[in-house]
Structure formats: structure tokens, C-alpha cells
Amino acid sequence: MPPQQDPQQDSPVPPRQESRQGPRQEPRHAPSAEEPSAPTAPQAPTAPPGRPAPPAQSAPPTAPPAQPASPTEPPAQPASPAEPPAQPAAPTAPPRPPSRGADTRALTQVLFGQLKGLQPGTSEHNRVRGALIEANLPLVRYAAARFRSRNEPMEDVVQVGTIGLINAIDRFDPDRGVQFPTFAMPTVVGEIKRYFRDNVRTVHVPRRLHELWVQVNAATEDLTTLHGRTPTTAEIAERLRITEDEVLSCIEAGRSYHATSLEAAQEGDGMPGLLDRLGYEDPELAGVEHRDLVRHLLVQLPEREQRILLLRYYNNLTQSQISAELGVSQMHVSRLLARSFARLRSANRIEA
């Protein structure tokens, strides 16, 4: 006789009851491996033949409470997909304070507006003009910094640039719509260049030679980079289309910024200074001009008188010895000497 089956075994599984809070909304994201799946109704085990089937377990009457989301899972999206949650506003950066250059330009415009309505020479005009000079001194320092390699005291360069700044302030017209730094910079730089051209050089060179020296330096650097060696004078002359003599003159002009002291020792070879290597003062140096003058005057005398003078003053012979050598009397030799001296004095243009 077959065993009787439990009447609940063939009965359908009762439908899943919903919680009192309403139907649960499933999250839109895919469930992760760690998230437990929703519980399902257990299947009734099949009884083996010859044994009574175990009673089927009924489904729980209520759905289990929702599990909290793991830290790695993103939060559940709201019910309306078209309206994302409002993002918090990003903190805005604090406004930057105006730069010093902008303040200087604004102050310069205001001061020029005041200066335009003042009478030159008045105390108020001088006060506003002085304020303009002080406000734009950083512009002069910036221009002077370009000449640091000239081995000149920076205070002197700044003073010269300040003169150019004052000239620019006196000539500036704010009604033209040009910024004052744009107008003043060429004036300041030009004043500094003029100072280096006229006052710094120990030996003044022509302007054309100075400008050509700048071109020679630029050509030397280009040819050195091109050939990997110092260029020759012929190569520089061919590059600039000038003669080699002009190139050599430019190189010598470039050395005229500073003179070398005669007492300075030579570097490298350990030799004494130029002053120690100069020759002594020749005591006969003062008589060079006189000897040259006498030589010029002697050729104007007759041959016999020239011989008498040579025997008397170059060979140191007496009048008696000269008269014996020439076969004349001593009195005649004395008269010839007196006449020769008279001719020499008359022909001497210096004493005349």
C-alpha cells in the first residue's frame, strides 16, 4: 500500500506577502556578490520511495527587512531618474587682490589728470610731479636691470634712468590714449644707452664704429655656433660685407670701456706691470729736436764752412789745428766760424 502524502505537499506555495510599508522598490544597480538575494519559497523535498515525505515548510508570512547597503555599494538612486540629487555648490575662490602694477597704472592716470590742470612752477604742480616720479621708479629699476653686465654701479644707472623718466613725464600727453609705461620705457632706455656711449668709455669712439662693434659681436656668436670654433677676421668680414680693417677697428673699439692700469701685473705669465717694463728716461732725448734742426741748417752752408764746423764742434779740434789742416791762417778760420754762425741764426725760424 503506497504511503499517504501530506495534503500540504501538493498545495501551491502561497503568494509572497508584502510588508505594511508598501511594495519594496528594487535598486536600479546590479546586486553585488556580497548582497544577499531576496528569499524565495523553499522547494518541497521529494520523498524517497518507501519513506514518508517530510512536511513542507511554509513561506514566512512577511518579507525580511531590507539589508543595509555595504560601504562599497553606491547609494540607491531616488525614485525619479530624471531628477538627480542637487550637488552642493563648490566653494568659490576668494577674489585676488589687484596687482601692484595695476595700482601704479591707476595712480599714474589719476596724477596725470591732476597735473594737467595745474600751472607749471607752482607748489602743487611740483608735489604732483614728484609723486609721479616716485610712483614710477620701479619702471626705472626694471630698465636698469638690463644693463647689469656692463660692470657699472647700479645706483649710477638708476639715476641716469630717472633723468629719462623725468623727461618722459614732462613730455607725456594723457589725451593720446597711450599708457605711460609704454611711452616712458624707450625714453628711459635711450637715456641709459646714451650714458654708456658718452660717459662710460675711457676712449671715445665714433658712433658708427660703436654700432658696427655690436654687429661684429653678434656675427662672432653666430659663426662660433655654426662652425664650433672662433671665427677668423676674414669670416666675420665676409659675413658683414665689410673689410678686415674695419673688423679689427671694431674689436679694438670694444676694449675701450675700461683702461688697463700701467701698474697692474699681467695675469697668467707672472710678468711685472707695464710701468715696470718701460725704458728709462734718456737724457739725450731733449736734444733730438736741436740736432735735427742743426742738421737741416748745416746743409745750407758752403762745403768749406761745413767742414770747419764739423772739425771744431764734432772732432773737438782747436782753431790752430783746423788752420794747419786746411792751410789757412787761424784768423781766417775765426772769421769763417763767425760768418757761419750768423748764417745759421738767420736761417733758424724758431728763434726768429
Protein backbone atom coordinates (compact mmCIF):
# COMPACT_ATOMS: atom_id res chain seq x y z
CA MET A 1 0.00 0.00 0.00
CA PRO A 2 1.54 3.31 -1.08
CA PRO A 3 2.28 5.82 1.68
CA GLN A 4 -0.11 8.68 2.07
CA GLN A 5 1.21 12.06 1.10
CA ASP A 6 0.78 15.12 3.15
CA PRO A 7 -2.01 17.32 1.82
CA GLN A 8 0.27 20.39 2.10
CA GLN A 9 2.82 18.84 -0.22
CA ASP A 10 0.67 19.18 -3.32
CA SER A 11 -0.75 22.55 -2.33
CA PRO A 12 0.68 25.54 -4.19
CA VAL A 13 3.12 27.82 -2.47
CA PRO A 14 1.20 30.76 -1.01
CA PRO A 15 1.95 34.09 -2.63
CA ARG A 16 4.61 36.29 -1.10
CA GLN A 17 3.11 38.72 1.32
CA GLU A 18 4.16 42.34 1.23
CA SER A 19 5.08 44.37 4.22
CA ARG A 20 2.83 47.01 5.64
CA GLN A 21 5.12 49.74 4.37
CA GLY A 22 4.09 49.12 0.80
CA PRO A 23 5.83 47.39 -2.07
CA ARG A 24 9.58 47.49 -1.86
CA GLN A 25 11.35 49.26 -4.68
CA GLU A 26 14.27 47.36 -6.06
CA PRO A 27 17.51 49.34 -6.52
CA ARG A 28 18.48 50.13 -10.07
CA HIS A 29 22.03 48.96 -9.65
CA ALA A 30 23.05 45.41 -10.18
CA PRO A 31 23.34 43.50 -6.95
CA SER A 32 26.87 42.77 -5.85
CA ALA A 33 28.21 39.46 -4.87
CA GLU A 34 28.08 40.39 -1.18
CA GLU A 35 24.41 41.48 -1.25
CA PRO A 36 22.05 38.65 -0.28
CA SER A 37 19.39 37.85 -2.77
CA ALA A 38 15.68 38.04 -1.90
CA PRO A 39 14.42 34.96 -0.10
CA THR A 40 12.39 32.56 -2.17
CA ALA A 41 9.97 29.90 -1.11
CA PRO A 42 11.74 26.67 -0.27
CA GLN A 43 11.05 23.74 -2.55
CA ALA A 44 9.36 20.70 -1.05
CA PRO A 45 11.82 17.86 -0.82
CA THR A 46 10.95 14.76 -2.76
CA ALA A 47 10.41 11.71 -0.59
CA PRO A 48 12.43 8.69 -1.50
CA PRO A 49 10.46 5.57 -2.23
CA GLY A 50 9.46 3.60 0.83
CA ARG A 51 9.76 6.59 3.23
CA PRO A 52 7.18 9.20 4.21
CA ALA A 53 7.80 12.62 2.80
CA PRO A 54 8.85 15.27 5.33
CA PRO A 55 6.37 18.08 5.91
CA ALA A 56 6.86 21.07 3.62
CA GLN A 57 7.94 24.32 5.26
CA SER A 58 5.62 27.18 4.76
CA ALA A 59 6.89 30.52 3.44
CA PRO A 60 7.40 33.27 6.00
CA PRO A 61 4.38 35.49 6.27
CA THR A 62 6.31 38.75 5.84
CA ALA A 63 9.28 39.85 3.76
CA PRO A 64 12.54 40.22 5.67
CA PRO A 65 13.70 43.75 6.39
CA ALA A 66 15.94 45.37 3.82
CA GLN A 67 19.64 44.84 4.41
CA PRO A 68 21.76 47.94 4.85
CA ALA A 69 23.93 48.76 1.87
CA SER A 70 27.57 47.84 2.13
CA PRO A 71 30.15 50.63 2.26
CA THR A 72 31.36 49.75 -1.22
CA GLU A 73 27.96 49.96 -2.83
CA PRO A 74 26.72 53.29 -4.19
CA PRO A 75 23.59 54.67 -2.51
CA ALA A 76 20.25 53.85 -4.04
CA GLN A 77 19.05 56.33 -6.62
CA PRO A 78 15.88 58.30 -5.83
CA ALA A 79 12.53 57.29 -7.30
CA SER A 80 12.60 59.82 -10.13
CA PRO A 81 15.51 59.03 -12.52
CA ALA A 82 15.14 62.31 -14.40
CA GLU A 83 15.93 64.49 -11.39
CA PRO A 84 19.40 63.79 -9.97
CA PRO A 85 20.09 65.00 -6.43
CA ALA A 86 21.31 68.55 -6.24
CA GLN A 87 25.08 68.74 -5.83
CA PRO A 88 26.39 71.07 -3.13
CA ALA A 89 27.82 74.27 -4.56
CA ALA A 90 31.61 74.26 -4.82
CA PRO A 91 33.29 76.87 -2.63
CA THR A 92 34.34 79.82 -4.74
CA ALA A 93 37.94 81.06 -4.54
CA PRO A 94 38.38 84.39 -2.80
CA PRO A 95 38.91 87.26 -5.22
CA ARG A 96 42.56 88.10 -5.85
CA PRO A 97 43.73 91.49 -4.71
CA PRO A 98 44.74 93.84 -7.53
CA SER A 99 48.39 93.64 -8.52
CA ARG A 100 50.89 96.34 -7.67
CA GLY A 101 51.36 97.21 -11.35
CA ALA A 102 47.64 97.81 -11.80
CA ASP A 103 47.61 100.07 -8.75
CA THR A 104 50.58 102.02 -10.10
CA ARG A 105 48.93 102.50 -13.51
CA ALA A 106 45.68 103.64 -11.91
CA LEU A 107 47.53 106.05 -9.62
CA THR A 108 49.54 107.37 -12.57
CA GLN A 109 46.40 108.13 -14.54
CA VAL A 110 44.87 109.97 -11.58
CA LEU A 111 48.03 112.01 -11.01
CA PHE A 112 48.33 112.94 -14.68
CA GLY A 113 44.71 114.07 -14.58
CA GLN A 114 45.57 116.34 -11.68
CA LEU A 115 48.82 117.54 -13.24
CA LYS A 116 47.07 118.60 -16.43
CA GLY A 117 45.01 121.23 -14.64
CA LEU A 118 47.88 122.74 -12.63
CA GLN A 119 50.11 125.62 -13.55
CA PRO A 120 53.78 124.62 -14.04
CA GLY A 121 56.07 126.02 -11.39
CA THR A 122 53.51 126.08 -8.59
CA SER A 123 53.98 124.12 -5.37
CA GLU A 124 51.00 121.87 -6.11
CA HIS A 125 52.36 121.11 -9.57
CA ASN A 126 55.75 120.18 -8.11
CA ARG A 127 54.11 117.98 -5.49
CA VAL A 128 52.08 116.00 -8.05
CA ARG A 129 55.10 115.76 -10.36
CA GLY A 130 57.23 114.38 -7.52
CA ALA A 131 54.53 111.84 -6.69
CA LEU A 132 54.55 110.69 -10.33
CA ILE A 133 58.33 110.23 -10.24
CA GLU A 134 58.21 108.17 -7.03
CA ALA A 135 55.32 106.02 -8.28
CA ASN A 136 57.18 105.07 -11.48
CA LEU A 137 60.63 104.42 -10.01
CA PRO A 138 60.09 100.62 -10.28
CA LEU A 139 59.91 101.12 -14.05
CA VAL A 140 63.39 102.70 -13.97
CA ARG A 141 64.81 99.85 -11.87
CA TYR A 142 63.37 97.32 -14.32
CA ALA A 143 65.01 99.09 -17.25
CA ALA A 144 68.33 99.46 -15.40
CA ALA A 145 68.42 95.72 -14.64
CA ARG A 146 69.01 95.06 -18.35
CA PHE A 147 72.47 96.64 -18.04
CA ARG A 148 73.81 94.63 -15.09
CA SER A 149 76.51 93.03 -17.26
CA ARG A 150 78.18 96.39 -18.00
CA ASN A 151 80.14 96.38 -14.70
CA GLU A 152 78.81 99.81 -13.85
CA PRO A 153 77.39 100.73 -10.39
CA MET A 154 73.65 100.12 -10.47
CA GLU A 155 72.99 103.30 -8.48
CA ASP A 156 74.51 105.39 -11.28
CA VAL A 157 72.43 103.59 -13.92
CA VAL A 158 69.23 104.14 -11.91
CA GLN A 159 70.00 107.84 -11.53
CA VAL A 160 70.50 108.21 -15.28
CA GLY A 161 67.27 106.30 -15.93
CA THR A 162 65.45 108.62 -13.50
CA ILE A 163 66.50 111.57 -15.65
CA GLY A 164 64.86 109.86 -18.62
CA LEU A 165 61.74 109.25 -16.50
CA ILE A 166 61.50 112.94 -15.63
CA ASN A 167 61.82 113.89 -19.30
CA ALA A 168 59.08 111.41 -20.18
CA ILE A 169 56.75 112.84 -17.51
CA ASP A 170 57.26 116.36 -18.83
CA ARG A 171 56.51 115.32 -22.43
CA PHE A 172 53.65 112.86 -21.82
CA ASP A 173 50.17 113.74 -23.06
CA PRO A 174 47.43 111.59 -21.43
CA ASP A 175 44.87 112.62 -24.07
CA ARG A 176 46.56 110.45 -26.73
CA GLY A 177 45.25 107.24 -25.15
CA VAL A 178 48.69 105.67 -24.64
CA GLN A 179 49.72 104.07 -21.36
CA PHE A 180 52.51 105.95 -19.62
CA PRO A 181 54.85 102.89 -19.21
CA THR A 182 54.66 102.28 -22.95
CA PHE A 183 55.64 105.88 -23.61
CA ALA A 184 58.31 106.17 -20.90
CA MET A 185 60.26 102.92 -21.43
CA PRO A 186 62.01 103.94 -24.71
CA THR A 187 62.94 107.29 -23.17
CA VAL A 188 64.46 105.69 -20.05
CA VAL A 189 66.38 103.04 -22.01
CA GLY A 190 67.62 105.63 -24.51
CA GLU A 191 68.95 107.83 -21.71
CA ILE A 192 70.84 104.89 -20.19
CA LYS A 193 72.33 103.90 -23.56
CA ARG A 194 73.44 107.47 -24.17
CA TYR A 195 75.16 107.44 -20.78
CA PHE A 196 77.10 104.29 -21.65
CA ARG A 197 78.01 105.68 -25.05
CA ASP A 198 79.28 109.08 -23.94
CA ASN A 199 80.49 108.77 -20.35
CA VAL A 200 81.45 105.19 -19.56
CA ARG A 201 84.01 104.61 -22.29
CA THR A 202 87.56 105.57 -21.38
CA VAL A 203 88.31 106.29 -25.04
CA HIS A 204 85.52 107.87 -27.06
CA VAL A 205 84.89 106.10 -30.37
CA PRO A 206 82.75 107.23 -33.32
CA ARG A 207 79.09 106.28 -33.27
CA ARG A 208 79.32 104.26 -36.50
CA LEU A 209 82.22 102.23 -35.09
CA HIS A 210 80.29 101.57 -31.90
CA GLU A 211 77.21 100.34 -33.82
CA LEU A 212 79.42 98.20 -36.05
CA TRP A 213 81.03 96.69 -32.97
CA VAL A 214 77.61 95.41 -31.86
CA GLN A 215 77.16 93.74 -35.26
CA VAL A 216 80.63 92.20 -35.07
CA ASN A 217 79.83 90.66 -31.68
CA ALA A 218 76.57 89.21 -32.98
CA ALA A 219 78.28 87.78 -36.08
CA THR A 220 81.04 86.28 -33.92
CA GLU A 221 78.50 84.42 -31.77
CA ASP A 222 76.60 83.11 -34.83
CA LEU A 223 79.74 81.88 -36.58
CA THR A 224 81.04 80.28 -33.40
CA THR A 225 77.80 78.32 -33.07
CA LEU A 226 77.85 77.40 -36.76
CA HIS A 227 81.49 76.21 -37.04
CA GLY A 228 82.12 75.16 -33.45
CA ARG A 229 85.21 77.38 -33.20
CA THR A 230 86.20 81.02 -33.00
CA PRO A 231 85.74 82.64 -36.44
CA THR A 232 88.59 84.37 -38.21
CA THR A 233 88.64 88.03 -39.12
CA ALA A 234 88.08 87.18 -42.79
CA GLU A 235 84.96 85.13 -41.98
CA ILE A 236 83.47 87.96 -39.90
CA ALA A 237 84.25 90.48 -42.64
CA GLU A 238 82.60 88.24 -45.26
CA ARG A 239 79.53 87.78 -43.08
CA LEU A 240 79.05 91.53 -42.55
CA ARG A 241 80.36 92.55 -46.00
CA ILE A 242 82.97 94.90 -44.61
CA THR A 243 86.75 94.99 -44.77
CA GLU A 244 89.04 93.19 -42.34
CA ASP A 245 90.49 96.51 -41.18
CA GLU A 246 87.03 97.63 -40.07
CA VAL A 247 86.58 94.38 -38.14
CA LEU A 248 89.91 94.91 -36.35
CA SER A 249 88.96 98.51 -35.58
CA CYS A 250 85.67 97.35 -34.07
CA ILE A 251 87.45 94.81 -31.88
CA GLU A 252 89.81 97.50 -30.62
CA ALA A 253 86.87 99.83 -30.01
CA GLY A 254 85.18 97.17 -27.90
CA ARG A 255 88.11 97.28 -25.48
CA SER A 256 87.75 100.99 -24.79
CA TYR A 257 85.23 100.67 -21.96
CA HIS A 258 87.91 100.31 -19.29
CA ALA A 259 91.59 101.23 -19.46
CA THR A 260 94.22 98.90 -18.08
CA SER A 261 96.41 100.27 -15.32
CA LEU A 262 100.12 100.54 -16.08
CA GLU A 263 100.89 99.20 -12.61
CA ALA A 264 98.65 96.13 -12.91
CA ALA A 265 100.56 92.85 -13.13
CA GLN A 266 99.99 90.64 -16.15
CA GLU A 267 97.68 87.74 -15.41
CA GLY A 268 98.86 84.22 -16.10
CA ASP A 269 102.50 84.81 -17.03
CA GLY A 270 103.50 86.46 -13.74
CA MET A 271 105.27 89.28 -15.57
CA PRO A 272 105.56 92.70 -13.90
CA GLY A 273 103.28 95.56 -14.86
CA LEU A 274 103.70 97.71 -17.92
CA LEU A 275 105.14 100.54 -15.86
CA ASP A 276 108.00 98.32 -14.65
CA ARG A 277 108.83 97.27 -18.19
CA LEU A 278 109.09 100.76 -19.64
CA GLY A 279 112.58 102.03 -20.53
CA TYR A 280 114.47 104.64 -18.55
CA GLU A 281 114.37 108.30 -19.48
CA ASP A 282 117.11 109.09 -21.98
CA PRO A 283 118.96 112.27 -21.01
CA GLU A 284 119.71 112.97 -24.68
CA LEU A 285 116.02 112.89 -25.56
CA ALA A 286 115.66 116.66 -25.17
CA GLY A 287 118.43 117.30 -27.73
CA VAL A 288 116.84 115.32 -30.54
CA GLU A 289 114.96 118.28 -31.92
CA HIS A 290 118.02 120.52 -31.71
CA ARG A 291 120.22 118.04 -33.56
CA ASP A 292 117.66 117.64 -36.25
CA LEU A 293 117.45 121.41 -36.63
CA VAL A 294 121.23 121.80 -36.87
CA ARG A 295 121.41 119.08 -39.49
CA HIS A 296 118.86 120.92 -41.52
CA LEU A 297 120.76 124.22 -41.23
CA LEU A 298 124.22 122.82 -41.99
CA VAL A 299 123.28 121.73 -45.48
CA GLN A 300 122.61 125.40 -46.33
CA LEU A 301 126.27 126.41 -45.68
CA PRO A 302 129.14 126.16 -48.19
CA GLU A 303 131.14 122.94 -48.09
CA ARG A 304 134.29 124.54 -46.54
CA GLU A 305 132.32 126.14 -43.74
CA GLN A 306 130.51 122.86 -43.07
CA ARG A 307 133.90 121.12 -42.73
CA ILE A 308 135.20 123.80 -40.35
CA LEU A 309 132.16 123.42 -38.12
CA LEU A 310 132.48 119.61 -38.10
CA LEU A 311 136.15 119.77 -37.19
CA ARG A 312 135.56 122.35 -34.48
CA TYR A 313 132.49 121.02 -32.74
CA TYR A 314 132.30 117.33 -33.65
CA ASN A 315 136.00 116.43 -33.73
CA ASN A 316 136.85 118.96 -30.98
CA LEU A 317 139.86 120.50 -32.84
CA THR A 318 141.21 123.93 -31.97
CA GLN A 319 141.37 126.80 -34.46
CA SER A 320 145.15 126.33 -34.78
CA GLN A 321 144.70 122.63 -35.68
CA ILE A 322 141.98 123.48 -38.18
CA SER A 323 144.14 126.20 -39.81
CA ALA A 324 147.04 123.74 -40.11
CA GLU A 325 144.78 121.09 -41.69
CA LEU A 326 143.12 123.49 -44.14
CA GLY A 327 146.27 125.54 -44.88
CA VAL A 328 144.82 128.89 -43.84
CA SER A 329 145.54 131.24 -41.02
CA GLN A 330 143.92 130.96 -37.63
CA MET A 331 142.40 134.47 -38.04
CA HIS A 332 140.75 133.38 -41.26
CA VAL A 333 139.30 130.30 -39.55
CA SER A 334 137.89 132.53 -36.81
CA ARG A 335 136.21 134.82 -39.38
CA LEU A 336 134.72 131.82 -41.22
CA LEU A 337 133.26 130.47 -37.98
CA ALA A 338 131.69 133.83 -37.12
CA ARG A 339 130.16 134.14 -40.60
CA SER A 340 128.75 130.58 -40.37
CA PHE A 341 127.10 131.33 -37.03
CA ALA A 342 125.47 134.43 -38.47
CA ARG A 343 124.01 132.43 -41.36
CA LEU A 344 122.73 129.74 -39.03
CA ARG A 345 120.99 132.27 -36.76
CA SER A 346 119.32 133.96 -39.71
CA ALA A 347 118.10 130.67 -41.11
CA ASN A 348 116.74 129.46 -37.73
CA ARG A 349 112.96 130.09 -37.95
CA ILE A 350 112.37 129.00 -34.37
CA GLU A 351 114.37 131.78 -32.75
CA ALA A 352 113.18 134.29 -35.33
